[in-house]
Amino acid sequence: MDPYKIIQHPFVTEKTMNLLGENKLDFIVLRTANKTQIRAAVEILLDAKVVTVRTYIDKSGKHAIVKFAPEHNVEDLATRIGVF
């Protein structure tokens, strides 16, 4: 499946900005995507190693909280995708 269809856009709120300190980013993803597909899509799009993926669904859609490996600077990744 196309990674651009799986990862729709980053989800940015004050609470999700606090996740940057934990080396995590929050994305809105395709509702039918599973964790393996989300992991592969993020690794392809951001060229960064993913450690874990947590998902939940709320009124704004399906969210994926992605934790990156310690060797990746999440602030640089966030800047690259336009969070800042």
N, C-alpha and C. Protein backbone atom coordinates (compact mmCIF):
# COMPACT_ATOMS: atom_id res chain seq x y z
N MET A 1 0.84 -1.19 0.00
CA MET A 1 0.00 0.00 0.00
C MET A 1 0.88 1.25 0.00
N ASP A 2 0.37 2.29 -0.60
CA ASP A 2 1.11 3.55 -0.72
C ASP A 2 1.28 4.21 0.65
N PRO A 3 2.54 4.53 1.06
CA PRO A 3 2.76 5.15 2.37
C PRO A 3 2.08 6.51 2.51
N TYR A 4 1.89 7.22 1.39
CA TYR A 4 1.22 8.52 1.45
C TYR A 4 -0.27 8.39 1.73
N LYS A 5 -0.85 7.22 1.45
CA LYS A 5 -2.26 6.99 1.79
C LYS A 5 -2.40 6.57 3.25
N ILE A 6 -1.41 5.85 3.76
CA ILE A 6 -1.47 5.37 5.15
C ILE A 6 -1.28 6.53 6.12
N ILE A 7 -0.23 7.32 5.95
CA ILE A 7 0.04 8.47 6.82
C ILE A 7 -0.63 9.69 6.20
N GLN A 8 -1.70 10.18 6.83
CA GLN A 8 -2.43 11.30 6.25
C GLN A 8 -1.79 12.63 6.59
N HIS A 9 -1.51 12.88 7.87
CA HIS A 9 -0.84 14.11 8.28
C HIS A 9 -0.46 14.03 9.75
N PRO A 10 0.51 14.85 10.18
CA PRO A 10 0.85 14.88 11.61
C PRO A 10 -0.28 15.54 12.40
N PHE A 11 -0.46 15.10 13.63
CA PHE A 11 -1.47 15.67 14.51
C PHE A 11 -0.73 16.53 15.53
N VAL A 12 -0.98 17.84 15.50
CA VAL A 12 -0.22 18.77 16.32
C VAL A 12 -1.15 19.49 17.29
N THR A 13 -0.93 19.25 18.57
CA THR A 13 -1.60 19.99 19.64
C THR A 13 -0.54 20.26 20.72
N GLU A 14 -0.93 20.99 21.72
CA GLU A 14 0.01 21.25 22.81
C GLU A 14 0.42 19.95 23.50
N LYS A 15 -0.53 19.05 23.66
CA LYS A 15 -0.24 17.77 24.30
C LYS A 15 0.70 16.91 23.45
N THR A 16 0.50 16.90 22.15
CA THR A 16 1.37 16.09 21.30
C THR A 16 2.76 16.71 21.16
N MET A 17 2.87 18.01 21.35
CA MET A 17 4.20 18.64 21.33
C MET A 17 5.03 18.17 22.52
N ASN A 18 4.37 17.81 23.63
CA ASN A 18 5.09 17.28 24.78
C ASN A 18 5.69 15.91 24.50
N LEU A 19 5.16 15.20 23.49
CA LEU A 19 5.69 13.90 23.13
C LEU A 19 7.07 13.98 22.49
N LEU A 20 7.44 15.17 22.00
CA LEU A 20 8.75 15.32 21.37
C LEU A 20 9.87 15.00 22.35
N GLY A 21 9.67 15.32 23.62
CA GLY A 21 10.68 15.02 24.63
C GLY A 21 10.85 13.53 24.86
N GLU A 22 9.85 12.74 24.50
CA GLU A 22 9.91 11.28 24.63
C GLU A 22 10.30 10.61 23.31
N ASN A 23 10.73 11.40 22.32
CA ASN A 23 11.14 10.90 21.00
C ASN A 23 9.96 10.30 20.23
N LYS A 24 8.77 10.94 20.34
CA LYS A 24 7.55 10.44 19.71
C LYS A 24 6.89 11.52 18.88
N LEU A 25 6.18 11.08 17.83
CA LEU A 25 5.34 11.95 17.02
C LEU A 25 3.97 11.31 16.88
N ASP A 26 2.94 12.13 16.70
CA ASP A 26 1.57 11.65 16.55
C ASP A 26 1.10 11.95 15.13
N PHE A 27 0.53 10.94 14.47
CA PHE A 27 0.03 11.07 13.11
C PHE A 27 -1.42 10.63 13.03
N ILE A 28 -2.18 11.24 12.13
CA ILE A 28 -3.49 10.73 11.75
C ILE A 28 -3.23 9.76 10.61
N VAL A 29 -3.76 8.54 10.72
CA VAL A 29 -3.48 7.51 9.74
C VAL A 29 -4.78 6.94 9.18
N LEU A 30 -4.64 6.17 8.11
CA LEU A 30 -5.77 5.48 7.50
C LEU A 30 -6.39 4.55 8.51
N ARG A 31 -7.70 4.59 8.62
CA ARG A 31 -8.38 3.84 9.67
C ARG A 31 -8.19 2.32 9.53
N THR A 32 -8.01 1.82 8.33
CA THR A 32 -7.86 0.38 8.12
C THR A 32 -6.41 -0.09 8.21
N ALA A 33 -5.46 0.83 8.40
CA ALA A 33 -4.04 0.46 8.47
C ALA A 33 -3.72 -0.19 9.82
N ASN A 34 -2.88 -1.23 9.76
CA ASN A 34 -2.46 -1.86 11.01
C ASN A 34 -1.08 -1.32 11.41
N LYS A 35 -0.59 -1.74 12.57
CA LYS A 35 0.65 -1.20 13.10
C LYS A 35 1.86 -1.51 12.22
N THR A 36 1.88 -2.68 11.62
CA THR A 36 2.99 -3.05 10.73
C THR A 36 3.03 -2.15 9.51
N GLN A 37 1.87 -1.87 8.92
CA GLN A 37 1.80 -0.98 7.76
C GLN A 37 2.20 0.44 8.13
N ILE A 38 1.77 0.90 9.31
CA ILE A 38 2.11 2.25 9.77
C ILE A 38 3.61 2.36 9.98
N ARG A 39 4.22 1.36 10.62
CA ARG A 39 5.66 1.35 10.86
C ARG A 39 6.42 1.43 9.55
N ALA A 40 6.04 0.61 8.59
CA ALA A 40 6.73 0.60 7.29
C ALA A 40 6.57 1.94 6.58
N ALA A 41 5.38 2.52 6.62
CA ALA A 41 5.13 3.79 5.94
C ALA A 41 5.96 4.92 6.55
N VAL A 42 6.02 4.98 7.87
CA VAL A 42 6.80 6.03 8.54
C VAL A 42 8.29 5.86 8.25
N GLU A 43 8.77 4.62 8.28
CA GLU A 43 10.19 4.39 8.00
C GLU A 43 10.55 4.78 6.57
N ILE A 44 9.63 4.56 5.62
CA ILE A 44 9.89 4.94 4.23
C ILE A 44 9.84 6.45 4.07
N LEU A 45 8.80 7.09 4.62
CA LEU A 45 8.61 8.52 4.42
C LEU A 45 9.65 9.38 5.15
N LEU A 46 10.00 9.00 6.36
CA LEU A 46 10.91 9.83 7.16
C LEU A 46 12.34 9.29 7.19
N ASP A 47 12.55 8.11 6.64
CA ASP A 47 13.88 7.50 6.63
C ASP A 47 14.47 7.46 8.04
N ALA A 48 13.66 6.95 8.98
CA ALA A 48 14.06 6.87 10.38
C ALA A 48 13.58 5.54 10.96
N LYS A 49 14.34 4.97 11.88
CA LYS A 49 13.99 3.70 12.49
C LYS A 49 12.91 3.90 13.56
N VAL A 50 11.84 3.10 13.45
CA VAL A 50 10.72 3.16 14.38
C VAL A 50 10.89 2.06 15.42
N VAL A 51 10.71 2.42 16.70
CA VAL A 51 10.83 1.44 17.78
C VAL A 51 9.46 0.84 18.08
N THR A 52 8.45 1.69 18.33
CA THR A 52 7.11 1.19 18.62
C THR A 52 6.06 2.06 17.95
N VAL A 53 4.88 1.46 17.78
CA VAL A 53 3.72 2.18 17.25
C VAL A 53 2.54 1.86 18.16
N ARG A 54 1.89 2.90 18.68
CA ARG A 54 0.67 2.76 19.47
C ARG A 54 -0.45 3.43 18.69
N THR A 55 -1.63 2.82 18.68
CA THR A 55 -2.75 3.40 17.94
C THR A 55 -3.95 3.56 18.85
N TYR A 56 -4.77 4.54 18.52
CA TYR A 56 -6.07 4.72 19.16
C TYR A 56 -6.98 5.48 18.21
N ILE A 57 -8.27 5.37 18.44
CA ILE A 57 -9.26 6.03 17.59
C ILE A 57 -10.08 6.99 18.44
N ASP A 58 -10.24 8.22 17.95
CA ASP A 58 -11.13 9.18 18.60
C ASP A 58 -11.91 9.92 17.53
N LYS A 59 -12.56 11.01 17.89
CA LYS A 59 -13.44 11.71 16.96
C LYS A 59 -12.69 12.33 15.77
N SER A 60 -11.39 12.56 15.91
CA SER A 60 -10.63 13.15 14.80
C SER A 60 -10.03 12.09 13.88
N GLY A 61 -10.21 10.81 14.18
CA GLY A 61 -9.72 9.73 13.33
C GLY A 61 -8.82 8.77 14.09
N LYS A 62 -8.12 7.94 13.34
CA LYS A 62 -7.20 6.99 13.94
C LYS A 62 -5.84 7.65 14.09
N HIS A 63 -5.31 7.59 15.28
CA HIS A 63 -4.01 8.18 15.60
C HIS A 63 -2.97 7.07 15.74
N ALA A 64 -1.75 7.41 15.37
CA ALA A 64 -0.62 6.52 15.60
C ALA A 64 0.47 7.33 16.30
N ILE A 65 0.81 6.91 17.50
CA ILE A 65 1.92 7.54 18.22
C ILE A 65 3.14 6.68 17.95
N VAL A 66 4.10 7.28 17.26
CA VAL A 66 5.27 6.56 16.78
C VAL A 66 6.49 6.98 17.59
N LYS A 67 7.16 5.99 18.18
CA LYS A 67 8.39 6.26 18.93
C LYS A 67 9.57 5.89 18.05
N PHE A 68 10.53 6.82 17.95
CA PHE A 68 11.68 6.63 17.09
C PHE A 68 12.88 6.18 17.90
N ALA A 69 13.85 5.58 17.21
CA ALA A 69 15.08 5.12 17.84
C ALA A 69 15.85 6.32 18.39
N PRO A 70 16.63 6.11 19.45
CA PRO A 70 17.33 7.23 20.09
C PRO A 70 18.32 7.97 19.18
N GLU A 71 18.81 7.31 18.13
CA GLU A 71 19.77 7.99 17.26
C GLU A 71 19.14 9.03 16.36
N HIS A 72 17.80 9.09 16.32
CA HIS A 72 17.10 10.08 15.50
C HIS A 72 16.62 11.24 16.38
N ASN A 73 16.84 12.45 15.91
CA ASN A 73 16.38 13.65 16.60
C ASN A 73 14.97 13.96 16.11
N VAL A 74 13.99 13.80 16.98
CA VAL A 74 12.59 13.96 16.59
C VAL A 74 12.29 15.41 16.21
N GLU A 75 12.97 16.35 16.82
CA GLU A 75 12.74 17.75 16.47
C GLU A 75 13.15 18.02 15.02
N ASP A 76 14.22 17.39 14.55
CA ASP A 76 14.61 17.53 13.15
C ASP A 76 13.58 16.88 12.23
N LEU A 77 13.09 15.71 12.63
CA LEU A 77 12.06 15.04 11.82
C LEU A 77 10.79 15.89 11.77
N ALA A 78 10.40 16.45 12.91
CA ALA A 78 9.20 17.29 12.96
C ALA A 78 9.35 18.53 12.09
N THR A 79 10.52 19.13 12.09
CA THR A 79 10.78 20.29 11.25
C THR A 79 10.71 19.91 9.78
N ARG A 80 11.23 18.75 9.45
CA ARG A 80 11.24 18.30 8.07
C ARG A 80 9.83 18.07 7.52
N ILE A 81 8.89 17.62 8.38
CA ILE A 81 7.53 17.38 7.90
C ILE A 81 6.60 18.58 8.13
N GLY A 82 7.13 19.66 8.69
CA GLY A 82 6.36 20.89 8.81
C GLY A 82 5.57 21.07 10.08
N VAL A 83 5.97 20.43 11.16
CA VAL A 83 5.26 20.59 12.43
C VAL A 83 5.56 21.95 13.04
N PHE A 84 6.80 22.41 12.90
CA PHE A 84 7.19 23.72 13.46
C PHE A 84 7.02 24.79 12.43
